[in-house]
Amino acid sequence: MSESEAEETKISTEPVDNAWALKIPAFRQEDNPHGMVEESSFATLFPKYRERYLKEVWPLVEQCLAEHHLKAELDLMEGSMVVRTSRKTWDPYIIIKARDMIKLMARSVPFEQAKRVLQDDIGCDIIKIGNLVHKKEKFVKRRQRLIGPNGATLKSIELLTDCYVLVQGNTVSALGPYKGLQQVRDIVLETMNNVHPIYNIKALMIKRELMKDPRLANEDWSRFLPKFKNKNISKRKQPKVKKQKKEYTPFPPSQPESKVDKQLASGEYFLNQEQKQAKRNQERTEKQKEAAKRQDERRNKDFVPPTEESAASSRKKEDGSSSNKVDVKALKAKLIKANKKARSS
């Protein structure tokens, strides 16, 4: 190894400003000349409707994995795919990449896209969305919102994140660079939590434009990004008159007075039977007198004469009304005007 290569492979311990800008060094066969010590294998099941497609493309899968010294098996009886290392395999992580490839193919990702995951700078993410929404109707609507009309929303997400995204059943499969996969996961999870994907798409578009301006590299971009406000209001009808809650007290309310307590307070409890009866009769007679009085007042109401005003007060009112109604000056001017007209004629 030359000095220049040694300098390139030297690990830096200094802090990094932008980790996404770092280049991952390539892993070569010279880095692991002895190969693998143990054989590793991974298996995954696939649904029945994928059997025909996998049977057609399986020779291409074997050919692709053979370039990395891996073996692939397709078991149509059990409905499973298996990948395993061989003695010639020198890359220890390629078996993990092959496992991701067959997982993507089981989730209806075409082979032309799934084989890209074998590259070093490409990763995959299978996002489970089935358990995020409990009601089936809401789940279908939000999943359709993620796809958009004629797949327009999904296509815009792919263009902004440089990832291949496929919505299939209860999962969303994403394939692309690692930064794009993180953005896709955020968009998918927020969409299933009732945040429309257009907000995240707009934010990604604005960020892409802001990255072009070097003056905004060290500034906060939150003032440029759209802010989502949840406007969902409870659909429960509110009562017109709301009862005010009483203040909480740790003591229980006082017990209401019983009939015996009231009799004790008034002294009636200590009277004998004859005295009690006499008291009841007295109360009854008083009530009857009050009722008879009200009845007489109601009957004599029609025979009560109205109050008449005195003659002096009526004259004063008439004089005041006449003085208010007649304007002497206006009447005088009117007479002068009539005399002038009579003379002129």
Protein backbone atom coordinates (compact mmCIF):
# COMPACT_ATOMS: atom_id res chain seq x y z
CA MET A 1 0.00 0.00 0.00
CA SER A 2 1.39 3.40 -1.02
CA GLU A 3 1.65 6.45 1.22
CA SER A 4 -1.20 8.26 -0.59
CA GLU A 5 -3.58 5.31 -0.03
CA ALA A 6 -2.49 5.10 3.61
CA GLU A 7 -3.34 8.77 4.08
CA GLU A 8 -6.79 8.25 2.49
CA THR A 9 -7.61 5.28 4.71
CA LYS A 10 -6.44 7.03 7.87
CA ILE A 11 -9.38 7.51 10.25
CA SER A 12 -10.02 11.10 11.34
CA THR A 13 -11.11 11.76 14.93
CA GLU A 14 -11.95 15.44 14.40
CA PRO A 15 -15.59 16.62 14.64
CA VAL A 16 -17.53 16.58 11.35
CA ASP A 17 -19.81 19.45 10.31
CA ASN A 18 -21.82 17.53 7.71
CA ALA A 19 -21.80 13.75 8.08
CA TRP A 20 -23.87 13.30 4.90
CA ALA A 21 -21.04 14.78 2.83
CA LEU A 22 -18.58 12.08 3.95
CA LYS A 23 -17.67 9.44 1.39
CA ILE A 24 -17.83 5.82 2.55
CA PRO A 25 -14.55 4.09 1.63
CA ALA A 26 -14.98 1.13 -0.71
CA PHE A 27 -14.47 -2.35 0.74
CA ARG A 28 -12.21 -4.42 -1.54
CA GLN A 29 -11.28 -8.09 -1.67
CA GLU A 30 -7.76 -7.22 -0.53
CA ASP A 31 -9.19 -5.99 2.78
CA ASN A 32 -10.44 -9.50 3.63
CA PRO A 33 -8.20 -12.02 1.82
CA HIS A 34 -9.09 -14.98 4.08
CA GLY A 35 -12.84 -14.88 3.38
CA MET A 36 -15.60 -15.91 5.79
CA VAL A 37 -15.14 -18.31 8.67
CA GLU A 38 -18.79 -19.44 9.03
CA GLU A 39 -21.63 -19.82 6.54
CA SER A 40 -24.51 -17.35 7.01
CA SER A 41 -27.99 -17.68 5.57
CA PHE A 42 -31.29 -15.77 5.66
CA ALA A 43 -34.75 -16.89 4.56
CA THR A 44 -37.95 -14.96 3.99
CA LEU A 45 -41.50 -15.96 3.01
CA PHE A 46 -43.40 -14.50 0.06
CA PRO A 47 -47.14 -14.38 -0.68
CA LYS A 48 -48.80 -16.72 -3.18
CA TYR A 49 -49.45 -14.03 -5.79
CA ARG A 50 -45.66 -13.36 -6.09
CA GLU A 51 -44.86 -16.97 -7.00
CA ARG A 52 -45.24 -16.59 -10.75
CA TYR A 53 -43.12 -13.44 -10.99
CA LEU A 54 -40.34 -14.82 -8.78
CA LYS A 55 -40.21 -18.03 -10.81
CA GLU A 56 -39.65 -15.99 -13.98
CA VAL A 57 -36.91 -13.70 -12.62
CA TRP A 58 -35.13 -16.21 -10.37
CA PRO A 59 -32.37 -17.04 -12.90
CA LEU A 60 -31.54 -13.30 -12.98
CA VAL A 61 -31.48 -13.24 -9.17
CA GLU A 62 -29.03 -16.16 -9.05
CA GLN A 63 -26.85 -14.52 -11.69
CA CYS A 64 -26.79 -11.20 -9.81
CA LEU A 65 -25.92 -12.81 -6.46
CA ALA A 66 -23.28 -15.05 -8.07
CA GLU A 67 -21.26 -11.92 -8.88
CA HIS A 68 -20.90 -11.43 -5.10
CA HIS A 69 -20.23 -15.17 -4.51
CA LEU A 70 -23.63 -15.79 -2.91
CA LYS A 71 -26.08 -18.65 -3.41
CA ALA A 72 -29.85 -18.26 -3.74
CA GLU A 73 -32.62 -20.86 -3.45
CA LEU A 74 -36.33 -20.61 -4.26
CA ASP A 75 -38.66 -23.08 -2.51
CA LEU A 76 -42.11 -22.99 -4.13
CA MET A 77 -43.50 -25.67 -1.83
CA GLU A 78 -42.85 -23.69 1.38
CA GLY A 79 -43.08 -20.29 -0.35
CA SER A 80 -39.68 -19.07 0.82
CA MET A 81 -36.48 -17.53 -0.56
CA VAL A 82 -33.06 -18.32 0.93
CA VAL A 83 -29.69 -16.59 0.44
CA ARG A 84 -26.43 -17.94 1.90
CA THR A 85 -22.72 -17.24 1.71
CA SER A 86 -20.11 -19.52 0.09
CA ARG A 87 -16.40 -20.15 0.64
CA LYS A 88 -15.53 -17.48 -1.92
CA THR A 89 -17.55 -14.73 -0.22
CA TRP A 90 -15.21 -12.00 1.05
CA ASP A 91 -17.62 -9.12 1.86
CA PRO A 92 -19.14 -9.72 5.32
CA TYR A 93 -22.01 -7.23 4.83
CA ILE A 94 -23.15 -8.42 1.39
CA ILE A 95 -25.32 -11.16 2.97
CA ILE A 96 -27.30 -8.42 4.82
CA LYS A 97 -27.76 -6.60 1.51
CA ALA A 98 -28.93 -9.84 -0.14
CA ARG A 99 -31.41 -10.39 2.69
CA ASP A 100 -32.84 -6.89 2.11
CA MET A 101 -33.13 -7.64 -1.62
CA ILE A 102 -35.28 -10.74 -1.16
CA LYS A 103 -37.39 -8.91 1.45
CA LEU A 104 -38.10 -6.16 -1.07
CA MET A 105 -38.97 -8.67 -3.76
CA ALA A 106 -41.38 -10.36 -1.33
CA ARG A 107 -43.06 -6.94 -0.85
CA SER A 108 -43.76 -6.64 -4.64
CA VAL A 109 -40.70 -4.50 -5.50
CA PRO A 110 -39.53 -5.44 -9.02
CA PHE A 111 -36.14 -7.13 -9.40
CA GLU A 112 -34.72 -4.22 -11.47
CA GLN A 113 -35.18 -1.92 -8.47
CA ALA A 114 -34.45 -4.44 -5.69
CA LYS A 115 -30.98 -5.30 -7.02
CA ARG A 116 -29.87 -1.68 -6.46
CA VAL A 117 -29.74 -2.36 -2.70
CA LEU A 118 -26.55 -4.38 -3.24
CA GLN A 119 -24.70 -1.10 -3.85
CA ASP A 120 -22.82 0.46 -0.91
CA ASP A 121 -24.52 3.88 -0.97
CA ILE A 122 -28.05 2.47 -1.38
CA GLY A 123 -30.20 1.21 1.47
CA CYS A 124 -33.79 0.13 2.00
CA ASP A 125 -36.51 0.65 4.58
CA ILE A 126 -39.76 -1.29 4.96
CA ILE A 127 -42.16 0.89 6.98
CA LYS A 128 -45.06 -0.88 8.71
CA ILE A 129 -48.18 1.30 8.68
CA GLY A 130 -50.87 -1.28 9.50
CA ASN A 131 -50.88 -0.63 13.27
CA LEU A 132 -50.68 3.18 13.14
CA VAL A 133 -54.42 3.71 12.48
CA HIS A 134 -57.05 1.57 14.23
CA LYS A 135 -60.08 2.24 12.01
CA LYS A 136 -59.90 0.62 8.58
CA GLU A 137 -61.72 3.46 6.77
CA LYS A 138 -59.27 6.07 8.09
CA PHE A 139 -56.33 3.82 7.25
CA VAL A 140 -57.45 3.42 3.61
CA LYS A 141 -58.05 7.17 3.22
CA ARG A 142 -54.66 8.17 4.64
CA ARG A 143 -52.85 5.53 2.60
CA GLN A 144 -54.58 6.84 -0.54
CA ARG A 145 -53.60 10.39 0.49
CA LEU A 146 -49.98 9.22 0.50
CA ILE A 147 -50.33 7.90 -3.07
CA GLY A 148 -52.25 10.91 -4.36
CA PRO A 149 -54.36 11.28 -7.53
CA ASN A 150 -52.87 9.05 -10.25
CA GLY A 151 -49.81 8.54 -8.02
CA ALA A 152 -48.79 12.23 -8.26
CA THR A 153 -47.94 12.63 -4.54
CA LEU A 154 -45.85 9.44 -4.51
CA LYS A 155 -44.00 10.55 -7.64
CA SER A 156 -43.18 13.95 -6.13
CA ILE A 157 -41.82 12.22 -2.99
CA GLU A 158 -39.61 10.02 -5.19
CA LEU A 159 -38.26 13.04 -7.10
CA LEU A 160 -37.47 15.04 -3.94
CA THR A 161 -35.88 12.17 -1.98
CA ASP A 162 -34.22 10.28 -4.90
CA CYS A 163 -35.82 7.08 -3.58
CA TYR A 164 -38.05 4.41 -5.08
CA VAL A 165 -41.24 4.18 -2.96
CA LEU A 166 -43.89 1.45 -3.22
CA VAL A 167 -47.08 1.30 -1.15
CA GLN A 168 -48.24 -2.29 -0.83
CA GLY A 169 -50.84 -3.50 1.69
CA ASN A 170 -49.80 -2.66 5.24
CA THR A 171 -46.22 -1.64 4.36
CA VAL A 172 -44.37 1.08 2.47
CA SER A 173 -41.12 -0.06 0.85
CA ALA A 174 -38.45 2.57 0.16
CA LEU A 175 -35.16 2.11 -1.67
CA GLY A 176 -32.49 4.78 -2.17
CA PRO A 177 -29.80 6.85 -0.42
CA TYR A 178 -29.84 6.84 3.37
CA LYS A 179 -30.72 10.53 3.74
CA GLY A 180 -33.67 10.11 1.39
CA LEU A 181 -34.87 7.05 3.34
CA GLN A 182 -34.99 9.12 6.52
CA GLN A 183 -37.12 11.77 4.78
CA VAL A 184 -39.46 9.14 3.32
CA ARG A 185 -40.02 7.58 6.75
CA ASP A 186 -40.86 10.97 8.29
CA ILE A 187 -43.36 11.76 5.51
CA VAL A 188 -45.05 8.34 5.75
CA LEU A 189 -45.40 8.39 9.55
CA GLU A 190 -46.73 11.96 9.63
CA THR A 191 -49.21 11.17 6.84
CA MET A 192 -50.59 8.25 8.84
CA ASN A 193 -50.84 10.63 11.84
CA ASN A 194 -53.19 12.87 9.81
CA VAL A 195 -50.67 15.42 8.51
CA HIS A 196 -51.12 15.96 4.78
CA PRO A 197 -47.96 15.05 2.79
CA ILE A 198 -48.13 18.33 0.85
CA TYR A 199 -46.70 20.15 3.91
CA ASN A 200 -43.60 17.93 3.96
CA ILE A 201 -43.26 18.11 0.18
CA LYS A 202 -43.33 21.92 0.30
CA ALA A 203 -40.75 21.89 3.11
CA LEU A 204 -38.42 19.65 1.08
CA MET A 205 -38.75 21.91 -1.97
CA ILE A 206 -37.96 25.01 0.11
CA LYS A 207 -34.97 23.29 1.75
CA ARG A 208 -33.62 22.32 -1.66
CA GLU A 209 -33.72 25.96 -2.76
CA LEU A 210 -32.21 27.22 0.51
CA MET A 211 -29.29 24.81 0.20
CA LYS A 212 -28.24 26.60 -2.99
CA ASP A 213 -27.70 29.88 -1.09
CA PRO A 214 -24.38 29.78 0.85
CA ARG A 215 -25.38 32.85 2.92
CA LEU A 216 -28.14 30.82 4.66
CA ALA A 217 -25.88 27.89 5.54
CA ASN A 218 -25.51 28.88 9.21
CA GLU A 219 -28.98 30.40 9.73
CA ASP A 220 -32.24 29.00 11.04
CA TRP A 221 -34.59 27.94 8.23
CA SER A 222 -37.72 27.58 10.36
CA ARG A 223 -39.06 30.99 9.26
CA PHE A 224 -39.13 29.84 5.63
CA LEU A 225 -40.81 26.47 6.24
CA PRO A 226 -44.62 26.03 6.28
CA LYS A 227 -46.21 25.53 9.68
CA PHE A 228 -48.96 22.97 10.12
CA LYS A 229 -51.90 23.88 12.36
CA ASN A 230 -54.34 21.21 13.39
CA LYS A 231 -57.84 22.63 12.76
CA ASN A 232 -59.83 19.53 13.72
CA ILE A 233 -62.60 20.57 16.11
CA SER A 234 -64.53 18.14 18.27
CA LYS A 235 -67.78 17.24 16.50
CA ARG A 236 -69.64 16.69 19.79
CA LYS A 237 -72.52 19.15 20.23
CA GLN A 238 -71.90 21.55 23.08
CA PRO A 239 -74.80 22.27 25.49
CA LYS A 240 -76.33 25.76 25.38
CA VAL A 241 -76.20 26.19 29.15
CA LYS A 242 -73.05 24.81 30.69
CA LYS A 243 -73.18 23.89 34.35
CA GLN A 244 -70.40 25.39 36.36
CA LYS A 245 -68.47 22.85 38.33
CA LYS A 246 -68.46 23.38 42.06
CA GLU A 247 -65.20 23.81 43.86
CA TYR A 248 -63.77 20.58 45.16
CA THR A 249 -63.87 20.11 48.91
CA PRO A 250 -62.53 17.05 50.69
CA PHE A 251 -65.43 17.16 53.19
CA PRO A 252 -68.78 15.49 52.38
CA PRO A 253 -71.94 17.67 52.17
CA SER A 254 -73.99 18.19 55.33
CA GLN A 255 -76.78 15.67 55.91
CA PRO A 256 -80.31 17.08 55.24
CA GLU A 257 -82.59 17.54 58.26
CA SER A 258 -85.12 14.80 58.87
CA LYS A 259 -88.76 15.32 59.88
CA VAL A 260 -87.93 14.62 63.54
CA ASP A 261 -85.11 17.22 63.51
CA LYS A 262 -87.50 19.86 62.18
CA GLN A 263 -90.05 19.02 64.87
CA LEU A 264 -87.37 19.25 67.55
CA ALA A 265 -86.26 22.67 66.24
CA SER A 266 -89.82 24.06 66.24
CA GLY A 267 -90.78 22.41 69.58
CA GLU A 268 -93.64 20.44 68.01
CA TYR A 269 -92.01 17.15 68.98
CA PHE A 270 -92.78 17.73 72.70
CA LEU A 271 -96.52 18.48 72.20
CA ASN A 272 -99.16 15.84 72.90
CA GLN A 273 -101.67 14.64 70.32
CA GLU A 274 -104.44 17.16 71.24
CA GLN A 275 -102.03 20.12 71.09
CA LYS A 276 -100.74 18.99 67.71
CA GLN A 277 -104.29 18.71 66.38
CA ALA A 278 -105.19 22.18 67.72
CA LYS A 279 -102.10 23.66 66.06
CA ARG A 280 -103.01 22.04 62.71
CA ASN A 281 -106.59 23.41 62.96
CA GLN A 282 -105.27 26.89 63.69
CA GLU A 283 -102.96 26.81 60.68
CA ARG A 284 -105.82 25.55 58.50
CA THR A 285 -108.17 28.38 59.61
CA GLU A 286 -105.46 31.00 58.93
CA LYS A 287 -104.93 29.64 55.43
CA GLN A 288 -108.69 29.67 54.79
CA LYS A 289 -108.95 33.32 55.92
CA GLU A 290 -106.12 34.37 53.60
CA ALA A 291 -107.69 32.51 50.68
CA ALA A 292 -111.12 34.11 51.34
CA LYS A 293 -109.51 37.55 51.49
CA ARG A 294 -107.81 37.06 48.13
CA GLN A 295 -111.09 35.79 46.63
CA ASP A 296 -113.02 38.90 47.82
CA GLU A 297 -110.34 41.20 46.38
CA ARG A 298 -110.56 39.43 43.02
CA ARG A 299 -114.40 39.68 42.93
CA ASN A 300 -114.55 43.37 43.97
CA LYS A 301 -111.85 44.38 41.50
CA ASP A 302 -114.41 45.12 38.75
CA PHE A 303 -116.54 47.33 41.05
CA VAL A 304 -113.76 49.69 42.16
CA PRO A 305 -114.39 53.17 40.57
CA PRO A 306 -111.49 54.78 38.62
CA THR A 307 -109.74 57.84 40.10
CA GLU A 308 -111.02 61.15 38.64
CA GLU A 309 -108.86 64.25 38.19
CA SER A 310 -109.93 67.59 39.68
CA ALA A 311 -111.23 70.47 37.46
CA ALA A 312 -108.28 72.83 38.28
CA SER A 313 -105.68 70.31 37.21
CA SER A 314 -107.55 69.56 33.96
CA ARG A 315 -107.68 73.31 33.09
CA LYS A 316 -103.99 73.72 33.67
CA LYS A 317 -103.29 70.81 31.34
CA GLU A 318 -105.55 72.30 28.63
CA ASP A 319 -103.85 75.74 28.92
CA GLY A 320 -100.42 74.18 28.73
CA SER A 321 -101.34 72.11 25.69
CA SER A 322 -102.84 75.09 23.86
CA SER A 323 -99.82 77.30 24.56
CA ASN A 324 -97.54 74.58 23.34
CA LYS A 325 -99.51 73.96 20.16
CA VAL A 326 -100.10 77.60 18.96
CA ASP A 327 -97.06 79.55 17.72
CA VAL A 328 -98.00 83.27 17.97
CA LYS A 329 -95.10 84.59 15.88
CA ALA A 330 -95.74 82.22 13.02
CA LEU A 331 -99.45 83.11 13.05
CA LYS A 332 -98.65 86.86 12.99
CA ALA A 333 -96.25 86.49 10.05
CA LYS A 334 -98.86 84.48 8.17
CA LEU A 335 -101.49 87.24 8.63
CA ILE A 336 -99.10 89.99 7.43
CA LYS A 337 -98.30 87.96 4.32
CA ALA A 338 -102.02 87.49 3.56
CA ASN A 339 -102.68 91.27 3.90
CA LYS A 340 -99.90 92.10 1.46
CA LYS A 341 -101.33 89.76 -1.13
CA ALA A 342 -104.82 91.32 -0.71
CA ARG A 343 -103.44 94.88 -1.25
CA SER A 344 -101.43 93.95 -4.31
CA SER A 345 -104.48 92.39 -5.94
